[in-house]
Amino acid sequence: MLYWWLATIFFLLTIIGIKMPSPIVHPVVCGMYGITNLIMALFYTSNWLPIFMMRYFLYSMSVFLLVVVPFILLALAILILMREIRGQQLVWRQYSNIALAILILLFCGYSLGDVLRIRQMQMSVMISLYSTIAIFLTALFISYVIITQVIKLWNRPQNAPLIMVLGTEIDDEGQVQNDLRRRLDKAFAYYQQLSKEQQAQVLFLVSGGNPTAEGITEAEGMSHYLLNQGVLEHQIIKEPSARNTDENFKFARPFIVHAGRQRSLVVVTSHYHLARSAYYAFKYGLKAYFVGARTNWIAWPYSSVREYLALLLLTKEVSFLSILYIIIVALLEV
């Protein structure tokens, strides 16, 4: 089956991306889709009991999937259209993404029309098709969770690090909140486990803009928190302009390059945010190690799903081509 071949190709590309870094071959993306295709291959060929039970569960939910999945695809297609129209990507890439989104929109409209008219002959095909798309989206989420763990367990640097903490929400008074406090505590705990000699050489790079009503940026709030923890002022570098993860790495890159090669870059962020952070670090040519901070268990499901959707949009070309392949195969079987 094609899924086995795709898994093999993506895993080979992952190895190539790690060994020979290139802006075209991203190891995080290739690894994630390699795992996704491996799960898809196992799902359709394995008789292992957990996989069989999952297969049975999804087929038993076929009517629900028939209604829900088209709306998920519609939402994704509309989001992509909005991003591409406002975006500043290369023209050919922008047009190709818009074309993919329009194809998905047309298919969703066609299939929803079939459901409303209840065409008996095509209903079974649509149920099978949307079940397969649901399996693909589920496999992609599982691969996101797995790749996050792999990033977290990657080798640790030996020399004194430049510890970069990615910003997030602060309150109106400039005090760090929830996720950001956990990130800073994790960064400080990492700093404390280093030798005294390494601690003296460590620099903290706090990145985040989004000023409050009083003009206090995330970087300033983080700097104040670290100073209260006992970090020396000359060890803290502030990057106060970034509004999102992309800009965190884009605007921090000059500081990182200036810090020199004698320091290893260690990025501290929330656990659920590791995969997207690794994506942008690679995008800007930064070799980094990643440390994940825990998230409140109540907020974890929402944060993880939101992050998964963000990754889905980042890798939209591969995602939509995979979905189009599923659609074409299903239609050829009619």
C-alpha atoms as a PDB file:
ATOM      1  CA  MET A   1       0.000   0.000   0.000  1.00  0.00           C
ATOM      2  CA  LEU A   2       1.104   3.549  -0.754  1.00  0.00           C
ATOM      3  CA  TYR A   3       1.129   4.498   2.941  1.00  0.00           C
ATOM      4  CA  TRP A   4       4.116   2.194   3.598  1.00  0.00           C
ATOM      5  CA  TRP A   5       6.051   3.838   0.764  1.00  0.00           C
ATOM      6  CA  LEU A   6       5.144   7.338   1.919  1.00  0.00           C
ATOM      7  CA  ALA A   7       6.207   6.521   5.495  1.00  0.00           C
ATOM      8  CA  THR A   8       9.563   5.239   4.227  1.00  0.00           C
ATOM      9  CA  ILE A   9      10.115   8.308   2.028  1.00  0.00           C
ATOM     10  CA  PHE A  10       9.237  10.757   4.816  1.00  0.00           C
ATOM     11  CA  PHE A  11      11.514   8.966   7.314  1.00  0.00           C
ATOM     12  CA  LEU A  12      14.397   9.049   4.811  1.00  0.00           C
ATOM     13  CA  LEU A  13      13.775  12.767   4.287  1.00  0.00           C
ATOM     14  CA  THR A  14      13.787  13.234   8.075  1.00  0.00           C
ATOM     15  CA  ILE A  15      17.254  11.664   8.310  1.00  0.00           C
ATOM     16  CA  ILE A  16      18.484  13.772   5.380  1.00  0.00           C
ATOM     17  CA  GLY A  17      17.064  16.921   7.006  1.00  0.00           C
ATOM     18  CA  ILE A  18      18.890  16.170  10.271  1.00  0.00           C
ATOM     19  CA  LYS A  19      22.216  15.223   8.667  1.00  0.00           C
ATOM     20  CA  MET A  20      22.202  17.851   5.905  1.00  0.00           C
ATOM     21  CA  PRO A  21      20.038  20.803   6.988  1.00  0.00           C
ATOM     22  CA  SER A  22      18.133  22.405   4.119  1.00  0.00           C
ATOM     23  CA  PRO A  23      15.240  24.906   4.057  1.00  0.00           C
ATOM     24  CA  ILE A  24      13.377  22.519   1.726  1.00  0.00           C
ATOM     25  CA  VAL A  25      13.564  19.356   3.877  1.00  0.00           C
ATOM     26  CA  HIS A  26      12.247  20.066   7.380  1.00  0.00           C
ATOM     27  CA  PRO A  27      12.897  17.136   9.777  1.00  0.00           C
ATOM     28  CA  VAL A  28       9.993  18.017  12.108  1.00  0.00           C
ATOM     29  CA  VAL A  29       7.473  18.095   9.243  1.00  0.00           C
ATOM     30  CA  CYS A  30       8.906  15.012   7.520  1.00  0.00           C
ATOM     31  CA  GLY A  31       9.053  13.099  10.805  1.00  0.00           C
ATOM     32  CA  MET A  32       5.467  14.003  11.667  1.00  0.00           C
ATOM     33  CA  TYR A  33       4.105  12.887   8.292  1.00  0.00           C
ATOM     34  CA  GLY A  34       6.302   9.787   8.336  1.00  0.00           C
ATOM     35  CA  ILE A  35       4.667   8.739  11.609  1.00  0.00           C
ATOM     36  CA  THR A  36       1.222   9.671  10.227  1.00  0.00           C
ATOM     37  CA  ASN A  37       1.631   7.449   7.154  1.00  0.00           C
ATOM     38  CA  LEU A  38       3.027   4.629   9.295  1.00  0.00           C
ATOM     39  CA  ILE A  39      -0.088   4.800  11.495  1.00  0.00           C
ATOM     40  CA  MET A  40      -2.319   4.829   8.389  1.00  0.00           C
ATOM     41  CA  ALA A  41      -0.495   1.788   6.978  1.00  0.00           C
ATOM     42  CA  LEU A  42      -0.843  -0.103  10.265  1.00  0.00           C
ATOM     43  CA  PHE A  43      -4.493   0.893  10.556  1.00  0.00           C
ATOM     44  CA  TYR A  44      -5.399  -0.692   7.227  1.00  0.00           C
ATOM     45  CA  THR A  45      -3.134  -3.760   7.342  1.00  0.00           C
ATOM     46  CA  SER A  46      -2.706  -4.740  10.994  1.00  0.00           C
ATOM     47  CA  ASN A  47      -5.009  -7.058  12.951  1.00  0.00           C
ATOM     48  CA  TRP A  48      -3.510  -6.027  16.304  1.00  0.00           C
ATOM     49  CA  LEU A  49      -6.395  -5.782  18.789  1.00  0.00           C
ATOM     50  CA  PRO A  50      -6.064  -2.047  19.724  1.00  0.00           C
ATOM     51  CA  ILE A  51      -5.961  -1.086  16.032  1.00  0.00           C
ATOM     52  CA  PHE A  52      -8.894  -3.379  15.233  1.00  0.00           C
ATOM     53  CA  MET A  53     -10.909  -1.775  18.064  1.00  0.00           C
ATOM     54  CA  MET A  54     -10.069   1.730  16.842  1.00  0.00           C
ATOM     55  CA  ARG A  55     -11.090   0.745  13.308  1.00  0.00           C
ATOM     56  CA  TYR A  56     -14.401  -0.667  14.584  1.00  0.00           C
ATOM     57  CA  PHE A  57     -15.043   2.443  16.709  1.00  0.00           C
ATOM     58  CA  LEU A  58     -14.518   4.816  13.771  1.00  0.00           C
ATOM     59  CA  TYR A  59     -16.746   2.792  11.476  1.00  0.00           C
ATOM     60  CA  SER A  60     -19.445   2.694  14.172  1.00  0.00           C
ATOM     61  CA  MET A  61     -19.222   6.502  14.284  1.00  0.00           C
ATOM     62  CA  SER A  62     -19.601   6.771  10.502  1.00  0.00           C
ATOM     63  CA  VAL A  63     -22.849   8.774  10.517  1.00  0.00           C
ATOM     64  CA  PHE A  64     -21.381  11.286  12.977  1.00  0.00           C
ATOM     65  CA  LEU A  65     -18.190  11.565  10.881  1.00  0.00           C
ATOM     66  CA  LEU A  66     -20.259  12.033   7.737  1.00  0.00           C
ATOM     67  CA  VAL A  67     -21.745  15.190   9.262  1.00  0.00           C
ATOM     68  CA  VAL A  68     -18.745  16.569  11.192  1.00  0.00           C
ATOM     69  CA  VAL A  69     -15.719  15.980   8.924  1.00  0.00           C
ATOM     70  CA  PRO A  70     -17.018  18.095   5.982  1.00  0.00           C
ATOM     71  CA  PHE A  71     -17.415  21.071   8.319  1.00  0.00           C
ATOM     72  CA  ILE A  72     -13.883  20.556   9.693  1.00  0.00           C
ATOM     73  CA  LEU A  73     -12.546  20.563   6.130  1.00  0.00           C
ATOM     74  CA  LEU A  74     -14.640  23.625   5.286  1.00  0.00           C
ATOM     75  CA  ALA A  75     -13.247  25.501   8.293  1.00  0.00           C
ATOM     76  CA  LEU A  76      -9.658  24.567   7.391  1.00  0.00           C
ATOM     77  CA  ALA A  77     -10.132  25.572   3.749  1.00  0.00           C
ATOM     78  CA  ILE A  78     -11.644  28.939   4.716  1.00  0.00           C
ATOM     79  CA  LEU A  79      -8.830  29.600   7.223  1.00  0.00           C
ATOM     80  CA  ILE A  80      -6.226  28.845   4.561  1.00  0.00           C
ATOM     81  CA  LEU A  81      -7.940  31.118   2.037  1.00  0.00           C
ATOM     82  CA  MET A  82      -8.015  33.964   4.572  1.00  0.00           C
ATOM     83  CA  ARG A  83      -4.330  33.467   5.489  1.00  0.00           C
ATOM     84  CA  GLU A  84      -3.186  33.252   1.868  1.00  0.00           C
ATOM     85  CA  ILE A  85      -5.130  36.326   0.737  1.00  0.00           C
ATOM     86  CA  ARG A  86      -3.560  38.371   3.556  1.00  0.00           C
ATOM     87  CA  GLY A  87      -0.174  36.634   3.393  1.00  0.00           C
ATOM     88  CA  GLN A  88       3.070  37.676   1.722  1.00  0.00           C
ATOM     89  CA  GLN A  89       4.350  34.351   0.417  1.00  0.00           C
ATOM     90  CA  LEU A  90       5.807  33.623  -3.004  1.00  0.00           C
ATOM     91  CA  VAL A  91       3.113  34.132  -5.653  1.00  0.00           C
ATOM     92  CA  TRP A  92       3.243  30.554  -6.998  1.00  0.00           C
ATOM     93  CA  ARG A  93       2.933  29.101  -3.503  1.00  0.00           C
ATOM     94  CA  GLN A  94       0.091  31.435  -2.612  1.00  0.00           C
ATOM     95  CA  TYR A  95      -1.869  30.500  -5.747  1.00  0.00           C
ATOM     96  CA  SER A  96      -1.246  26.772  -5.283  1.00  0.00           C
ATOM     97  CA  ASN A  97      -2.513  26.926  -1.688  1.00  0.00           C
ATOM     98  CA  ILE A  98      -5.594  28.878  -2.779  1.00  0.00           C
ATOM     99  CA  ALA A  99      -6.244  26.305  -5.526  1.00  0.00           C
ATOM    100  CA  LEU A 100      -5.979  23.432  -3.025  1.00  0.00           C
ATOM    101  CA  ALA A 101      -8.352  25.189  -0.623  1.00  0.00           C
ATOM    102  CA  ILE A 102     -10.892  25.830  -3.406  1.00  0.00           C
ATOM    103  CA  LEU A 103     -10.764  22.163  -4.472  1.00  0.00           C
ATOM    104  CA  ILE A 104     -11.508  21.093  -0.897  1.00  0.00           C
ATOM    105  CA  LEU A 105     -14.362  23.629  -0.677  1.00  0.00           C
ATOM    106  CA  LEU A 106     -15.898  22.366  -3.926  1.00  0.00           C
ATOM    107  CA  PHE A 107     -15.678  18.768  -2.797  1.00  0.00           C
ATOM    108  CA  CYS A 108     -17.224  19.578   0.601  1.00  0.00           C
ATOM    109  CA  GLY A 109     -20.107  21.342  -1.124  1.00  0.00           C
ATOM    110  CA  TYR A 110     -20.613  18.409  -3.482  1.00  0.00           C
ATOM    111  CA  SER A 111     -20.523  15.783  -0.738  1.00  0.00           C
ATOM    112  CA  LEU A 112     -22.801  17.756   1.593  1.00  0.00           C
ATOM    113  CA  GLY A 113     -25.265  18.028  -1.284  1.00  0.00           C
ATOM    114  CA  ASP A 114     -25.198  14.251  -1.640  1.00  0.00           C
ATOM    115  CA  VAL A 115     -25.832  13.822   2.074  1.00  0.00           C
ATOM    116  CA  LEU A 116     -28.791  16.214   2.002  1.00  0.00           C
ATOM    117  CA  ARG A 117     -30.272  14.464  -1.051  1.00  0.00           C
ATOM    118  CA  ILE A 118     -29.495  11.076   0.522  1.00  0.00           C
ATOM    119  CA  ARG A 119     -28.200   9.409  -2.611  1.00  0.00           C
ATOM    120  CA  GLN A 120     -28.118   5.794  -1.503  1.00  0.00           C
ATOM    121  CA  MET A 121     -25.499   4.597  -4.014  1.00  0.00           C
ATOM    122  CA  GLN A 122     -22.954   7.232  -3.044  1.00  0.00           C
ATOM    123  CA  MET A 123     -23.699   7.289   0.688  1.00  0.00           C
ATOM    124  CA  SER A 124     -21.506   4.269   1.448  1.00  0.00           C
ATOM    125  CA  VAL A 125     -18.637   5.836  -0.521  1.00  0.00           C
ATOM    126  CA  MET A 126     -18.974   9.103   1.420  1.00  0.00           C
ATOM    127  CA  ILE A 127     -19.062   7.271   4.759  1.00  0.00           C
ATOM    128  CA  SER A 128     -15.900   5.366   3.841  1.00  0.00           C
ATOM    129  CA  LEU A 129     -14.224   8.525   2.557  1.00  0.00           C
ATOM    130  CA  TYR A 130     -14.932  10.680   5.594  1.00  0.00           C
ATOM    131  CA  SER A 131     -14.004   7.842   7.939  1.00  0.00           C
ATOM    132  CA  THR A 132     -10.624   7.669   6.180  1.00  0.00           C
ATOM    133  CA  ILE A 133     -10.143  11.442   6.464  1.00  0.00           C
ATOM    134  CA  ALA A 134     -11.044  11.241  10.166  1.00  0.00           C
ATOM    135  CA  ILE A 135      -8.473   8.451  10.598  1.00  0.00           C
ATOM    136  CA  PHE A 136      -5.863  10.591   8.808  1.00  0.00           C
ATOM    137  CA  LEU A 137      -6.544  13.626  11.035  1.00  0.00           C
ATOM    138  CA  THR A 138      -6.421  11.403  14.136  1.00  0.00           C
ATOM    139  CA  ALA A 139      -3.145   9.820  12.976  1.00  0.00           C
ATOM    140  CA  LEU A 140      -1.713  13.286  12.385  1.00  0.00           C
ATOM    141  CA  PHE A 141      -2.627  14.327  15.944  1.00  0.00           C
ATOM    142  CA  ILE A 142      -0.987  11.184  17.356  1.00  0.00           C
ATOM    143  CA  SER A 143       2.139  11.922  15.305  1.00  0.00           C
ATOM    144  CA  TYR A 144       2.162  15.497  16.687  1.00  0.00           C
ATOM    145  CA  VAL A 145       2.151  14.089  20.239  1.00  0.00           C
ATOM    146  CA  ILE A 146       4.936  11.604  19.396  1.00  0.00           C
ATOM    147  CA  ILE A 147       7.160  14.146  17.616  1.00  0.00           C
ATOM    148  CA  THR A 148       6.769  16.494  20.598  1.00  0.00           C
ATOM    149  CA  GLN A 149       8.123  13.753  22.875  1.00  0.00           C
ATOM    150  CA  VAL A 150      11.040  13.086  20.499  1.00  0.00           C
ATOM    151  CA  ILE A 151      11.975  16.791  20.490  1.00  0.00           C
ATOM    152  CA  LYS A 152      11.781  16.875  24.280  1.00  0.00           C
ATOM    153  CA  LEU A 153      14.086  13.855  24.682  1.00  0.00           C
ATOM    154  CA  TRP A 154      16.691  15.011  22.128  1.00  0.00           C
ATOM    155  CA  ASN A 155      20.330  15.266  23.270  1.00  0.00           C
ATOM    156  CA  ARG A 156      21.292  18.018  25.686  1.00  0.00           C
ATOM    157  CA  PRO A 157      24.160  20.488  25.006  1.00  0.00           C
ATOM    158  CA  GLN A 158      27.486  20.111  26.796  1.00  0.00           C
ATOM    159  CA  ASN A 159      28.672  23.737  26.833  1.00  0.00           C
ATOM    160  CA  ALA A 160      27.162  26.785  28.539  1.00  0.00           C
ATOM    161  CA  PRO A 161      23.810  27.615  26.938  1.00  0.00           C
ATOM    162  CA  LEU A 162      21.978  30.667  25.744  1.00  0.00           C
ATOM    163  CA  ILE A 163      18.567  30.012  27.310  1.00  0.00           C
ATOM    164  CA  MET A 164      15.786  31.465  25.180  1.00  0.00           C
ATOM    165  CA  VAL A 165      12.351  31.717  26.806  1.00  0.00           C
ATOM    166  CA  LEU A 166       9.395  32.258  24.473  1.00  0.00           C
ATOM    167  CA  GLY A 167       6.862  34.771  25.704  1.00  0.00           C
ATOM    168  CA  THR A 168       3.127  34.479  26.117  1.00  0.00           C
ATOM    169  CA  GLU A 169       0.373  36.292  27.999  1.00  0.00           C
ATOM    170  CA  ILE A 170       1.102  38.677  30.892  1.00  0.00           C
ATOM    171  CA  ASP A 171      -1.492  40.587  32.926  1.00  0.00           C
ATOM    172  CA  ASP A 172      -2.202  44.333  32.723  1.00  0.00           C
ATOM    173  CA  GLU A 173       0.342  45.035  35.467  1.00  0.00           C
ATOM    174  CA  GLY A 174       3.103  43.184  33.633  1.00  0.00           C
ATOM    175  CA  GLN A 175       3.050  40.107  35.881  1.00  0.00           C
ATOM    176  CA  VAL A 176       3.690  36.739  34.246  1.00  0.00           C
ATOM    177  CA  GLN A 177       0.748  34.326  34.165  1.00  0.00           C
ATOM    178  CA  ASN A 178       0.229  30.548  34.221  1.00  0.00           C
ATOM    179  CA  ASP A 179       2.059  29.145  31.151  1.00  0.00           C
ATOM    180  CA  LEU A 180       4.679  31.882  31.103  1.00  0.00           C
ATOM    181  CA  ARG A 181       5.464  31.434  34.799  1.00  0.00           C
ATOM    182  CA  ARG A 182       5.942  27.709  34.221  1.00  0.00           C
ATOM    183  CA  ARG A 183       8.257  28.411  31.283  1.00  0.00           C
ATOM    184  CA  LEU A 184      10.380  30.787  33.367  1.00  0.00           C
ATOM    185  CA  ASP A 185      10.473  28.382  36.323  1.00  0.00           C
ATOM    186  CA  LYS A 186      11.589  25.602  33.963  1.00  0.00           C
ATOM    187  CA  ALA A 187      14.292  27.838  32.480  1.00  0.00           C
ATOM    188  CA  PHE A 188      15.547  28.786  35.951  1.00  0.00           C
ATOM    189  CA  ALA A 189      15.505  25.141  37.092  1.00  0.00           C
ATOM    190  CA  TYR A 190      17.550  24.221  34.003  1.00  0.00           C
ATOM    191  CA  TYR A 191      19.975  27.036  34.853  1.00  0.00           C
ATOM    192  CA  GLN A 192      20.322  25.840  38.453  1.00  0.00           C
ATOM    193  CA  GLN A 193      21.289  22.301  37.445  1.00  0.00           C
ATOM    194  CA  LEU A 194      24.344  23.600  35.566  1.00  0.00           C
ATOM    195  CA  SER A 195      27.773  23.812  37.173  1.00  0.00           C
ATOM    196  CA  LYS A 196      28.798  27.106  38.827  1.00  0.00           C
ATOM    197  CA  GLU A 197      31.255  27.717  36.000  1.00  0.00           C
ATOM    198  CA  GLN A 198      28.535  27.258  33.379  1.00  0.00           C
ATOM    199  CA  GLN A 199      26.039  29.384  35.320  1.00  0.00           C
ATOM    200  CA  ALA A 200      28.478  32.303  35.224  1.00  0.00           C
ATOM    201  CA  GLN A 201      28.548  32.108  31.404  1.00  0.00           C
ATOM    202  CA  VAL A 202      24.818  31.578  30.809  1.00  0.00           C
ATOM    203  CA  LEU A 203      22.734  34.230  29.090  1.00  0.00           C
ATOM    204  CA  PHE A 204      18.934  34.403  29.167  1.00  0.00           C
ATOM    205  CA  LEU A 205      17.168  35.648  26.032  1.00  0.00           C
ATOM    206  CA  VAL A 206      13.550  36.572  26.777  1.00  0.00           C
ATOM    207  CA  SER A 207      11.469  37.150  23.646  1.00  0.00           C
ATOM    208  CA  GLY A 208       8.012  38.678  23.484  1.00  0.00           C
ATOM    209  CA  GLY A 209       6.282  41.947  22.630  1.00  0.00           C
ATOM    210  CA  ASN A 210       2.495  42.349  22.862  1.00  0.00           C
ATOM    211  CA  PRO A 211       2.649  45.260  25.353  1.00  0.00           C
ATOM    212  CA  THR A 212      -0.031  45.780  27.979  1.00  0.00           C
ATOM    213  CA  ALA A 213      -2.140  48.938  28.213  1.00  0.00           C
ATOM    214  CA  GLU A 214       0.662  50.424  30.319  1.00  0.00           C
ATOM    215  CA  GLY A 215       3.275  49.595  27.682  1.00  0.00           C
ATOM    216  CA  ILE A 216       4.942  46.675  29.490  1.00  0.00           C
ATOM    217  CA  THR A 217       6.111  43.987  27.056  1.00  0.00           C
ATOM    218  CA  GLU A 218       6.293  40.252  27.692  1.00  0.00           C
ATOM    219  CA  ALA A 219      10.103  40.502  27.572  1.00  0.00           C
ATOM    220  CA  GLU A 220      10.094  43.124  30.338  1.00  0.00           C
ATOM    221  CA  GLY A 221       7.734  41.044  32.477  1.00  0.00           C
ATOM    222  CA  MET A 222       9.940  37.966  32.035  1.00  0.00           C
ATOM    223  CA  SER A 223      13.096  39.944  32.791  1.00  0.00           C
ATOM    224  CA  HIS A 224      11.583  41.263  36.019  1.00  0.00           C
ATOM    225  CA  TYR A 225      10.572  37.740  37.076  1.00  0.00           C
ATOM    226  CA  LEU A 226      14.065  36.317  36.451  1.00  0.00           C
ATOM    227  CA  LEU A 227      15.683  39.183  38.358  1.00  0.00           C
ATOM    228  CA  ASN A 228      13.475  38.330  41.339  1.00  0.00           C
ATOM    229  CA  GLN A 229      14.669  34.719  41.058  1.00  0.00           C
ATOM    230  CA  GLY A 230      18.287  35.840  41.420  1.00  0.00           C
ATOM    231  CA  VAL A 231      19.478  36.033  37.814  1.00  0.00           C
ATOM    232  CA  LEU A 232      21.924  38.908  37.296  1.00  0.00           C
ATOM    233  CA  GLU A 233      20.810  41.789  35.098  1.00  0.00           C
ATOM    234  CA  HIS A 234      23.792  41.521  32.726  1.00  0.00           C
ATOM    235  CA  GLN A 235      22.794  37.897  32.006  1.00  0.00           C
ATOM    236  CA  ILE A 236      19.406  38.887  30.556  1.00  0.00           C
ATOM    237  CA  ILE A 237      18.868  39.944  26.933  1.00  0.00           C
ATOM    238  CA  LYS A 238      15.439  41.348  26.047  1.00  0.00           C
ATOM    239  CA  GLU A 239      13.787  41.033  22.631  1.00  0.00           C
ATOM    240  CA  PRO A 240      10.614  43.155  23.046  1.00  0.00           C
ATOM    241  CA  SER A 241       9.080  43.134  19.549  1.00  0.00           C
ATOM    242  CA  ALA A 242       7.883  39.593  18.722  1.00  0.00           C
ATOM    243  CA  ARG A 243       4.118  39.069  18.506  1.00  0.00           C
ATOM    244  CA  ASN A 244       4.096  35.358  17.655  1.00  0.00           C
ATOM    245  CA  THR A 245       6.331  32.277  17.471  1.00  0.00           C
ATOM    246  CA  ASP A 246       7.594  33.094  13.986  1.00  0.00           C
ATOM    247  CA  GLU A 247       8.712  36.544  15.113  1.00  0.00           C
ATOM    248  CA  ASN A 248      10.238  35.119  18.315  1.00  0.00           C
ATOM    249  CA  PHE A 249      12.879  33.360  16.233  1.00  0.00           C
ATOM    250  CA  LYS A 250      13.061  35.947  13.451  1.00  0.00           C
ATOM    251  CA  PHE A 251      13.758  38.870  15.803  1.00  0.00           C
ATOM    252  CA  ALA A 252      15.904  36.856  18.238  1.00  0.00           C
ATOM    253  CA  ARG A 253      18.194  35.511  15.528  1.00  0.00           C
ATOM    254  CA  PRO A 254      20.608  38.531  15.543  1.00  0.00           C
ATOM    255  CA  PHE A 255      21.007  38.206  19.334  1.00  0.00           C
ATOM    256  CA  ILE A 256      21.643  34.464  19.008  1.00  0.00           C
ATOM    257  CA  VAL A 257      24.251  34.937  16.272  1.00  0.00           C
ATOM    258  CA  HIS A 258      25.924  37.717  18.288  1.00  0.00           C
ATOM    259  CA  ALA A 259      26.118  35.462  21.360  1.00  0.00           C
ATOM    260  CA  GLY A 260      28.553  33.292  19.393  1.00  0.00           C
ATOM    261  CA  ARG A 261      29.020  29.620  18.696  1.00  0.00           C
ATOM    262  CA  GLN A 262      30.538  28.941  22.115  1.00  0.00           C
ATOM    263  CA  ARG A 263      27.027  28.854  23.547  1.00  0.00           C
ATOM    264  CA  SER A 264      24.369  26.275  22.680  1.00  0.00           C
ATOM    265  CA  LEU A 265      20.847  27.551  22.122  1.00  0.00           C
ATOM    266  CA  VAL A 266      18.323  26.038  24.535  1.00  0.00           C
ATOM    267  CA  VAL A 267      14.708  27.038  23.850  1.00  0.00           C
ATOM    268  CA  VAL A 268      12.255  26.835  26.746  1.00  0.00           C
ATOM    269  CA  THR A 269       8.543  26.860  25.997  1.00  0.00           C
ATOM    270  CA  SER A 270       5.406  24.947  26.932  1.00  0.00           C
ATOM    271  CA  HIS A 271       5.467  21.225  26.190  1.00  0.00           C
ATOM    272  CA  TYR A 272       2.591  21.444  23.690  1.00  0.00           C
ATOM    273  CA  HIS A 273       4.446  24.246  21.847  1.00  0.00           C
ATOM    274  CA  LEU A 274       7.702  22.343  21.203  1.00  0.00           C
ATOM    275  CA  ALA A 275       6.948  21.073  17.688  1.00  0.00           C
ATOM    276  CA  ARG A 276       6.012  24.475  16.268  1.00  0.00           C
ATOM    277  CA  SER A 277       8.991  26.095  18.007  1.00  0.00           C
ATOM    278  CA  ALA A 278      11.305  23.518  16.424  1.00  0.00           C
ATOM    279  CA  TYR A 279       9.702  24.261  13.049  1.00  0.00           C
ATOM    280  CA  TYR A 280      10.515  27.977  13.259  1.00  0.00           C
ATOM    281  CA  ALA A 281      13.996  27.452  14.727  1.00  0.00           C
ATOM    282  CA  PHE A 282      14.814  25.286  11.707  1.00  0.00           C
ATOM    283  CA  LYS A 283      13.206  27.829   9.369  1.00  0.00           C
ATOM    284  CA  TYR A 284      15.656  30.501  10.551  1.00  0.00           C
ATOM    285  CA  GLY A 285      18.675  28.207  10.469  1.00  0.00           C
ATOM    286  CA  LEU A 286      19.064  27.914  14.239  1.00  0.00           C
ATOM    287  CA  LYS A 287      20.359  24.714  15.780  1.00  0.00           C
ATOM    288  CA  ALA A 288      18.534  24.437  19.074  1.00  0.00           C
ATOM    289  CA  TYR A 289      17.756  22.103  21.947  1.00  0.00           C
ATOM    290  CA  PHE A 290      14.309  22.247  23.492  1.00  0.00           C
ATOM    291  CA  VAL A 291      12.997  22.067  27.034  1.00  0.00           C
ATOM    292  CA  GLY A 292       9.258  21.718  27.634  1.00  0.00           C
ATOM    293  CA  ALA A 293       7.412  23.195  30.597  1.00  0.00           C
ATOM    294  CA  ARG A 294       4.308  21.510  31.960  1.00  0.00           C
ATOM    295  CA  THR A 295       0.856  22.932  31.312  1.00  0.00           C
ATOM    296  CA  ASN A 296      -2.125  23.001  33.647  1.00  0.00           C
ATOM    297  CA  TRP A 297      -3.923  19.692  33.006  1.00  0.00           C
ATOM    298  CA  ILE A 298      -7.255  21.497  32.600  1.00  0.00           C
ATOM    299  CA  ALA A 299      -5.825  23.727  29.850  1.00  0.00           C
ATOM    300  CA  TRP A 300      -3.787  20.968  28.160  1.00  0.00           C
ATOM    301  CA  PRO A 301      -6.541  19.572  25.837  1.00  0.00           C
ATOM    302  CA  TYR A 302      -7.464  23.002  24.480  1.00  0.00           C
ATOM    303  CA  SER A 303      -3.822  24.103  24.131  1.00  0.00           C
ATOM    304  CA  SER A 304      -2.820  20.866  22.389  1.00  0.00           C
ATOM    305  CA  VAL A 305      -5.717  20.935  19.907  1.00  0.00           C
ATOM    306  CA  ARG A 306      -5.058  24.608  19.133  1.00  0.00           C
ATOM    307  CA  GLU A 307      -1.365  23.853  18.576  1.00  0.00           C
ATOM    308  CA  TYR A 308      -2.226  20.848  16.418  1.00  0.00           C
ATOM    309  CA  LEU A 309      -4.443  23.020  14.204  1.00  0.00           C
ATOM    310  CA  ALA A 310      -1.658  25.609  13.951  1.00  0.00           C
ATOM    311  CA  LEU A 311       0.736  22.886  12.769  1.00  0.00           C
ATOM    312  CA  LEU A 312      -1.895  21.642  10.335  1.00  0.00           C
ATOM    313  CA  LEU A 313      -2.042  25.125   8.797  1.00  0.00           C
ATOM    314  CA  LEU A 314       1.762  25.401   8.728  1.00  0.00           C
ATOM    315  CA  THR A 315       2.018  22.134   6.806  1.00  0.00           C
ATOM    316  CA  LYS A 316      -1.155  22.730   4.798  1.00  0.00           C
ATOM    317  CA  GLU A 317       0.350  21.719   1.437  1.00  0.00           C
ATOM    318  CA  VAL A 318       1.207  18.219   2.656  1.00  0.00           C
ATOM    319  CA  SER A 319      -2.052  17.923   4.622  1.00  0.00           C
ATOM    320  CA  PHE A 320      -4.277  18.949   1.725  1.00  0.00           C
ATOM    321  CA  LEU A 321      -2.404  16.825  -0.808  1.00  0.00           C
ATOM    322  CA  SER A 322      -2.869  13.841   1.520  1.00  0.00           C
ATOM    323  CA  ILE A 323      -6.594  14.574   1.826  1.00  0.00           C
ATOM    324  CA  LEU A 324      -6.879  15.019  -1.956  1.00  0.00           C
ATOM    325  CA  TYR A 325      -5.200  11.631  -2.436  1.00  0.00           C
ATOM    326  CA  ILE A 326      -7.782  10.052  -0.096  1.00  0.00           C
ATOM    327  CA  ILE A 327     -10.620  11.751  -2.027  1.00  0.00           C
ATOM    328  CA  ILE A 328      -9.299  10.695  -5.452  1.00  0.00           C
ATOM    329  CA  VAL A 329      -8.873   7.056  -4.364  1.00  0.00           C
ATOM    330  CA  ALA A 330     -12.420   7.013  -2.948  1.00  0.00           C
ATOM    331  CA  LEU A 331     -13.942   8.551  -6.093  1.00  0.00           C
ATOM    332  CA  LEU A 332     -12.100   6.104  -8.359  1.00  0.00           C
ATOM    333  CA  GLU A 333     -13.737   3.274  -6.434  1.00  0.00           C
ATOM    334  CA  VAL A 334     -17.246   4.563  -7.227  1.00  0.00           C
END
